[in-house]
């Protein structure tokens, strides 16, 4: 088999921007034609396999993904008979949908099959036609994925926090930070999980009409949700940390979290570019989340 050069990775700056959205390890990347169950035709994406998730981008230089697919529960990968000898086609059979993939050439098809099966089955497949160097990469990825899952399983289970009732008629002074939403803790969590590309930090009302809370989602090996109370002292706002931090306004509170995490925390702000189409305005989106925060 003639060795073909693998696709060049995304520029380092783009790679760093994508790391702000997810810290999942990057195992393989390249162009894919993707046809999901709700699509009538294939769509062309620059695709990254991170952990056991496929992230889809409109092109190699996009910093925000337009879709993702969790393949950890892959039932099987089936080959499709293709009349085009220059490409490979196969189907990912998942519990809730079947996704058809088409590669640019047969060699990249073998690589995609190899990497997908390695991370989902936790073993290097024996029936793929790859060069020795490519097989070595599969073994390296296998060890990384085993280590990642082991570390994920060993993370301490955080005790469940009591759901805070939200006061939707809270008297909120204007202007407010763009990441403020009049939602409950549960609704804020659902918003962050549904659209991580919009940001990972929400400011919301507290359990009374005076104070506030910050809900964040960090993805270090695995997603984790945390909540912080922000107390309104009248003239200032105090973040309840091990060493409380007092700041003059809510904008400074948001800036504090951003700076202390060196930009890893970003305000959750609606983006109309996220799903390649026009999205509802902010008020409609909040109402949508309130009615059914878990609906895709």
Protein backbone atom coordinates (compact mmCIF):
# COMPACT_ATOMS: atom_id res chain seq x y z
CA UNK A 1 0.00 0.00 0.00
CA UNK A 2 1.32 3.43 -0.93
CA UNK A 3 1.61 5.67 2.09
CA UNK A 4 -0.36 8.87 1.75
CA UNK A 5 0.42 11.94 3.81
CA UNK A 6 -2.12 12.44 6.61
CA UNK A 7 -4.15 15.68 6.56
CA UNK A 8 -2.34 18.60 8.12
CA UNK A 9 -3.67 19.40 11.60
CA UNK A 10 -5.47 22.64 12.33
CA UNK A 11 -3.14 25.60 13.09
CA UNK A 12 -1.90 25.75 16.68
CA UNK A 13 -3.94 28.90 17.44
CA UNK A 14 -7.12 27.13 16.34
CA UNK A 15 -6.14 24.06 18.33
CA UNK A 16 -5.73 26.18 21.48
CA UNK A 17 -9.11 27.85 20.94
CA UNK A 18 -10.80 24.47 20.63
CA UNK A 19 -9.15 23.36 23.88
CA UNK A 20 -11.12 26.10 25.64
CA UNK A 21 -14.31 24.29 24.64
CA UNK A 22 -13.23 20.76 25.47
CA UNK A 23 -10.19 19.26 27.18
CA UNK A 24 -10.84 15.81 25.68
CA UNK A 25 -7.66 14.44 24.07
CA UNK A 26 -7.39 14.69 20.28
CA UNK A 27 -6.76 11.27 18.71
CA UNK A 28 -7.45 11.79 15.00
CA UNK A 29 -8.75 14.45 12.62
CA UNK A 30 -9.58 15.00 8.99
CA UNK A 31 -12.38 15.73 6.54
CA UNK A 32 -15.50 13.56 6.59
CA UNK A 33 -18.78 13.55 4.73
CA UNK A 34 -21.47 12.94 7.35
CA UNK A 35 -25.12 11.96 6.93
CA UNK A 36 -27.08 11.82 10.16
CA UNK A 37 -30.59 10.43 10.57
CA UNK A 38 -32.16 13.91 10.29
CA UNK A 39 -30.18 14.82 7.13
CA UNK A 40 -31.26 14.03 3.59
CA UNK A 41 -27.77 14.37 2.16
CA UNK A 42 -24.13 14.26 3.22
CA UNK A 43 -22.53 17.31 4.83
CA UNK A 44 -18.83 18.08 4.63
CA UNK A 45 -17.06 18.65 7.97
CA UNK A 46 -13.58 18.92 9.36
CA UNK A 47 -13.89 16.28 12.06
CA UNK A 48 -11.99 15.63 15.27
CA UNK A 49 -12.10 12.42 17.30
CA UNK A 50 -11.61 13.50 20.91
CA UNK A 51 -11.99 10.77 23.50
CA UNK A 52 -15.10 8.93 22.30
CA UNK A 53 -16.74 12.00 20.74
CA UNK A 54 -16.69 13.24 17.15
CA UNK A 55 -16.67 17.04 16.88
CA UNK A 56 -17.80 18.56 13.56
CA UNK A 57 -16.52 21.92 12.23
CA UNK A 58 -17.52 23.75 9.05
CA UNK A 59 -13.85 23.91 8.05
CA UNK A 60 -10.36 23.36 9.40
CA UNK A 61 -10.04 26.91 10.73
CA UNK A 62 -13.35 27.13 12.63
CA UNK A 63 -12.92 27.46 16.39
CA UNK A 64 -16.51 26.50 17.30
CA UNK A 65 -17.96 23.13 16.40
CA UNK A 66 -21.39 22.94 14.78
CA UNK A 67 -22.24 19.50 16.07
CA UNK A 68 -20.89 16.53 17.94
CA UNK A 69 -21.58 12.81 18.21
CA UNK A 70 -20.89 10.64 21.25
CA UNK A 71 -19.92 7.17 19.99
CA UNK A 72 -19.02 5.48 23.28
CA UNK A 73 -22.13 3.27 22.98
CA UNK A 74 -21.33 2.23 19.40
CA UNK A 75 -23.21 -1.00 18.59
CA UNK A 76 -21.25 -1.79 15.45
CA UNK A 77 -19.51 -0.29 12.43
CA UNK A 78 -20.72 -1.64 9.11
CA UNK A 79 -19.14 -1.15 5.69
CA UNK A 80 -21.21 0.10 2.76
CA UNK A 81 -20.72 -1.04 -0.79
CA UNK A 82 -19.45 2.01 -2.64
CA UNK A 83 -19.38 2.40 -6.41
CA UNK A 84 -16.63 4.98 -5.92
CA UNK A 85 -13.35 3.13 -5.52
CA UNK A 86 -11.54 6.30 -4.43
CA UNK A 87 -13.46 6.62 -1.13
CA UNK A 88 -14.75 4.52 1.73
CA UNK A 89 -18.27 4.48 3.17
CA UNK A 90 -19.39 2.99 6.46
CA UNK A 91 -22.20 3.33 8.98
CA UNK A 92 -21.96 3.91 12.73
CA UNK A 93 -24.83 2.03 14.34
CA UNK A 94 -25.72 3.68 17.64
CA UNK A 95 -28.56 2.90 20.08
CA UNK A 96 -30.65 5.87 18.90
CA UNK A 97 -29.49 6.54 15.35
CA UNK A 98 -27.38 5.38 12.43
CA UNK A 99 -24.80 7.78 11.04
CA UNK A 100 -23.28 7.35 7.58
CA UNK A 101 -19.70 8.46 7.00
CA UNK A 102 -17.77 8.86 3.76
CA UNK A 103 -14.04 9.55 3.58
CA UNK A 104 -11.97 11.33 0.96
CA UNK A 105 -10.00 8.19 0.09
CA UNK A 106 -9.80 4.53 1.03
CA UNK A 107 -6.70 4.93 3.21
CA UNK A 108 -8.25 7.62 5.41
CA UNK A 109 -11.31 5.37 5.60
CA UNK A 110 -9.18 2.60 7.10
CA UNK A 111 -7.67 5.07 9.57
CA UNK A 112 -11.07 6.39 10.68
CA UNK A 113 -12.37 2.87 11.12
CA UNK A 114 -9.28 1.91 13.08
CA UNK A 115 -9.38 4.86 15.48
CA UNK A 116 -13.16 4.70 16.03
CA UNK A 117 -13.08 0.97 16.80
CA UNK A 118 -10.01 1.33 19.03
CA UNK A 119 -11.57 3.94 21.35
CA UNK A 120 -15.03 2.34 21.44
CA UNK A 121 -13.98 -1.30 21.82
CA UNK A 122 -10.80 -0.54 23.80
CA UNK A 123 -8.80 -2.84 21.56
CA UNK A 124 -6.91 -2.43 18.31
CA UNK A 125 -8.93 -4.05 15.48
CA UNK A 126 -7.20 -6.80 13.57
CA UNK A 127 -9.13 -6.44 10.31
CA UNK A 128 -7.95 -2.99 9.17
CA UNK A 129 -5.37 -2.50 6.43
CA UNK A 130 -2.88 -0.07 7.94
CA UNK A 131 0.85 0.47 7.79
CA UNK A 132 3.01 -0.46 10.80
CA UNK A 133 3.38 3.17 11.84
CA UNK A 134 -0.39 3.68 11.76
CA UNK A 135 -0.93 0.55 13.86
CA UNK A 136 1.57 1.88 16.41
CA UNK A 137 -0.50 5.07 16.64
CA UNK A 138 -3.60 2.99 17.35
CA UNK A 139 -1.82 1.24 20.23
CA UNK A 140 -0.70 4.61 21.62
CA UNK A 141 -4.26 5.96 21.44
CA UNK A 142 -5.55 2.78 23.09
CA UNK A 143 -3.28 3.30 26.10
CA UNK A 144 -4.25 6.99 26.35
CA UNK A 145 -7.95 6.18 26.22
CA UNK A 146 -7.64 3.42 28.84
CA UNK A 147 -5.80 5.85 31.13
CA UNK A 148 -8.38 8.59 30.52
CA UNK A 149 -11.28 6.29 31.39
CA UNK A 150 -9.52 4.97 34.48
CA UNK A 151 -8.89 8.51 35.73
CA UNK A 152 -12.49 9.43 34.96
CA UNK A 153 -13.80 6.50 37.00
CA UNK A 154 -11.55 7.41 39.93
CA UNK A 155 -12.81 10.99 40.21
CA UNK A 156 -14.63 11.51 43.53
CA UNK A 157 -18.41 11.65 43.29
CA UNK A 158 -19.60 15.04 44.45
CA UNK A 159 -22.56 15.00 46.85
CA UNK A 160 -25.83 16.10 45.27
CA UNK A 161 -26.64 19.70 45.99
CA UNK A 162 -30.07 20.80 47.06
CA UNK A 163 -32.03 22.42 44.25
CA UNK A 164 -32.44 26.12 44.87
CA UNK A 165 -35.85 27.65 44.07
CA UNK A 166 -35.44 30.52 41.67
CA UNK A 167 -37.17 33.85 42.01
CA UNK A 168 -38.13 34.83 38.48
CA UNK A 169 -39.41 38.20 39.64
CA UNK A 170 -36.02 39.18 41.11
CA UNK A 171 -35.40 42.91 40.97
CA UNK A 172 -32.31 43.04 38.76
CA UNK A 173 -30.54 46.37 38.25
CA UNK A 174 -29.58 47.15 34.65
CA UNK A 175 -27.33 46.76 32.86
CA UNK A 176 -26.46 43.14 33.63
CA UNK A 177 -23.60 40.98 32.32
CA UNK A 178 -24.50 39.28 29.05
CA UNK A 179 -24.26 35.86 30.70
CA UNK A 180 -27.08 36.59 33.18
CA UNK A 181 -30.20 34.42 32.77
CA UNK A 182 -33.23 34.24 35.07
CA UNK A 183 -33.06 30.45 35.36
CA UNK A 184 -32.73 27.88 38.14
CA UNK A 185 -29.66 25.83 38.95
CA UNK A 186 -31.04 22.86 37.00
CA UNK A 187 -31.90 25.00 33.99
CA UNK A 188 -28.46 26.65 33.99
CA UNK A 189 -26.80 23.24 34.05
CA UNK A 190 -28.89 22.08 31.09
CA UNK A 191 -28.02 25.22 29.12
CA UNK A 192 -24.29 24.72 29.64
CA UNK A 193 -24.45 21.04 28.71
CA UNK A 194 -26.54 21.65 25.59
CA UNK A 195 -24.38 24.39 24.04
CA UNK A 196 -20.78 24.31 25.36
CA UNK A 197 -19.58 26.35 22.38
CA UNK A 198 -21.53 29.37 23.68
CA UNK A 199 -19.50 29.48 26.91
CA UNK A 200 -19.27 27.67 30.22
CA UNK A 201 -20.31 30.22 32.88
CA UNK A 202 -23.79 31.52 33.73
CA UNK A 203 -24.81 34.20 36.21
CA UNK A 204 -28.28 33.56 37.62
CA UNK A 205 -30.53 34.60 40.52
CA UNK A 206 -29.90 33.02 43.91
CA UNK A 207 -32.48 31.42 46.18
CA UNK A 208 -33.83 34.82 47.19
CA UNK A 209 -34.48 38.15 45.50
CA UNK A 210 -31.22 39.72 46.65
CA UNK A 211 -28.29 37.42 45.91
CA UNK A 212 -26.89 35.63 42.86
CA UNK A 213 -25.14 32.40 41.88
CA UNK A 214 -22.52 31.44 39.31
CA UNK A 215 -22.87 28.08 37.55
CA UNK A 216 -19.82 26.81 35.65
CA UNK A 217 -19.05 23.74 33.55
CA UNK A 218 -15.45 22.60 33.30
CA UNK A 219 -14.37 19.76 31.04
CA UNK A 220 -11.16 18.37 32.53
CA UNK A 221 -11.13 14.78 31.28
CA UNK A 222 -14.89 14.75 32.05
CA UNK A 223 -17.51 17.50 32.40
CA UNK A 224 -18.07 18.80 35.92
CA UNK A 225 -20.64 21.34 37.11
CA UNK A 226 -19.98 23.69 40.04
CA UNK A 227 -21.99 26.46 41.68
CA UNK A 228 -20.77 29.53 43.58
CA UNK A 229 -22.84 31.94 45.67
CA UNK A 230 -22.45 35.68 45.06
CA UNK A 231 -23.74 37.72 48.02
CA UNK A 232 -25.09 41.23 47.53
CA UNK A 233 -23.80 43.27 50.47
CA UNK A 234 -25.49 46.47 49.35
CA UNK A 235 -22.49 48.30 47.94
CA UNK A 236 -20.42 45.29 46.81
CA UNK A 237 -20.69 41.67 45.81
CA UNK A 238 -18.87 38.88 47.65
CA UNK A 239 -18.02 35.54 46.05
CA UNK A 240 -18.25 32.83 48.70
CA UNK A 241 -14.93 31.03 48.27
CA UNK A 242 -12.55 29.51 50.83
CA UNK A 243 -11.17 33.04 50.99
CA UNK A 244 -14.13 35.31 50.11
CA UNK A 245 -13.55 37.82 47.33
CA UNK A 246 -15.40 41.16 47.38
CA UNK A 247 -15.86 43.14 44.16
CA UNK A 248 -17.70 46.36 43.27
CA UNK A 249 -20.16 44.96 40.69
CA UNK A 250 -21.34 41.85 38.86
CA UNK A 251 -19.24 42.65 35.80
CA UNK A 252 -16.16 42.48 38.04
CA UNK A 253 -17.39 39.15 39.40
CA UNK A 254 -17.50 37.67 35.89
CA UNK A 255 -14.09 39.17 35.04
CA UNK A 256 -12.66 37.63 38.21
CA UNK A 257 -13.61 34.09 37.18
CA UNK A 258 -12.30 34.65 33.64
CA UNK A 259 -8.93 36.02 34.79
CA UNK A 260 -8.41 33.53 37.62
CA UNK A 261 -8.88 30.62 35.19
CA UNK A 262 -6.76 32.31 32.49
CA UNK A 263 -9.68 32.37 30.10
CA UNK A 264 -10.76 28.75 30.60
CA UNK A 265 -14.08 30.05 31.93
CA UNK A 266 -16.04 32.07 29.39
CA UNK A 267 -19.40 33.83 29.79
CA UNK A 268 -22.27 31.84 28.26
CA UNK A 269 -23.50 34.09 25.44
CA UNK A 270 -25.87 33.09 22.68
CA UNK A 271 -24.31 32.71 19.23
CA UNK A 272 -26.48 32.71 16.09
CA UNK A 273 -23.67 30.94 14.19
CA UNK A 274 -23.70 27.82 16.34
CA UNK A 275 -26.04 25.53 14.40
CA UNK A 276 -25.55 26.94 10.90
CA UNK A 277 -28.94 28.59 11.00
CA UNK A 278 -31.01 31.32 12.60
CA UNK A 279 -31.67 30.72 16.30
CA UNK A 280 -34.41 32.23 18.51
CA UNK A 281 -33.67 35.53 20.20
CA UNK A 282 -32.46 35.60 23.80
CA UNK A 283 -35.91 35.80 25.44
CA UNK A 284 -37.31 33.00 23.28
CA UNK A 285 -34.24 30.86 23.98
CA UNK A 286 -34.56 31.26 27.75
CA UNK A 287 -38.25 30.36 27.59
CA UNK A 288 -37.37 27.32 25.48
CA UNK A 289 -34.84 26.17 28.06
CA UNK A 290 -37.35 26.67 30.88
CA UNK A 291 -39.99 24.56 29.15
CA UNK A 292 -37.68 21.71 28.21
CA UNK A 293 -34.01 22.24 29.12
CA UNK A 294 -32.99 18.75 28.02
CA UNK A 295 -34.51 18.71 24.57
CA UNK A 296 -31.99 18.75 21.73
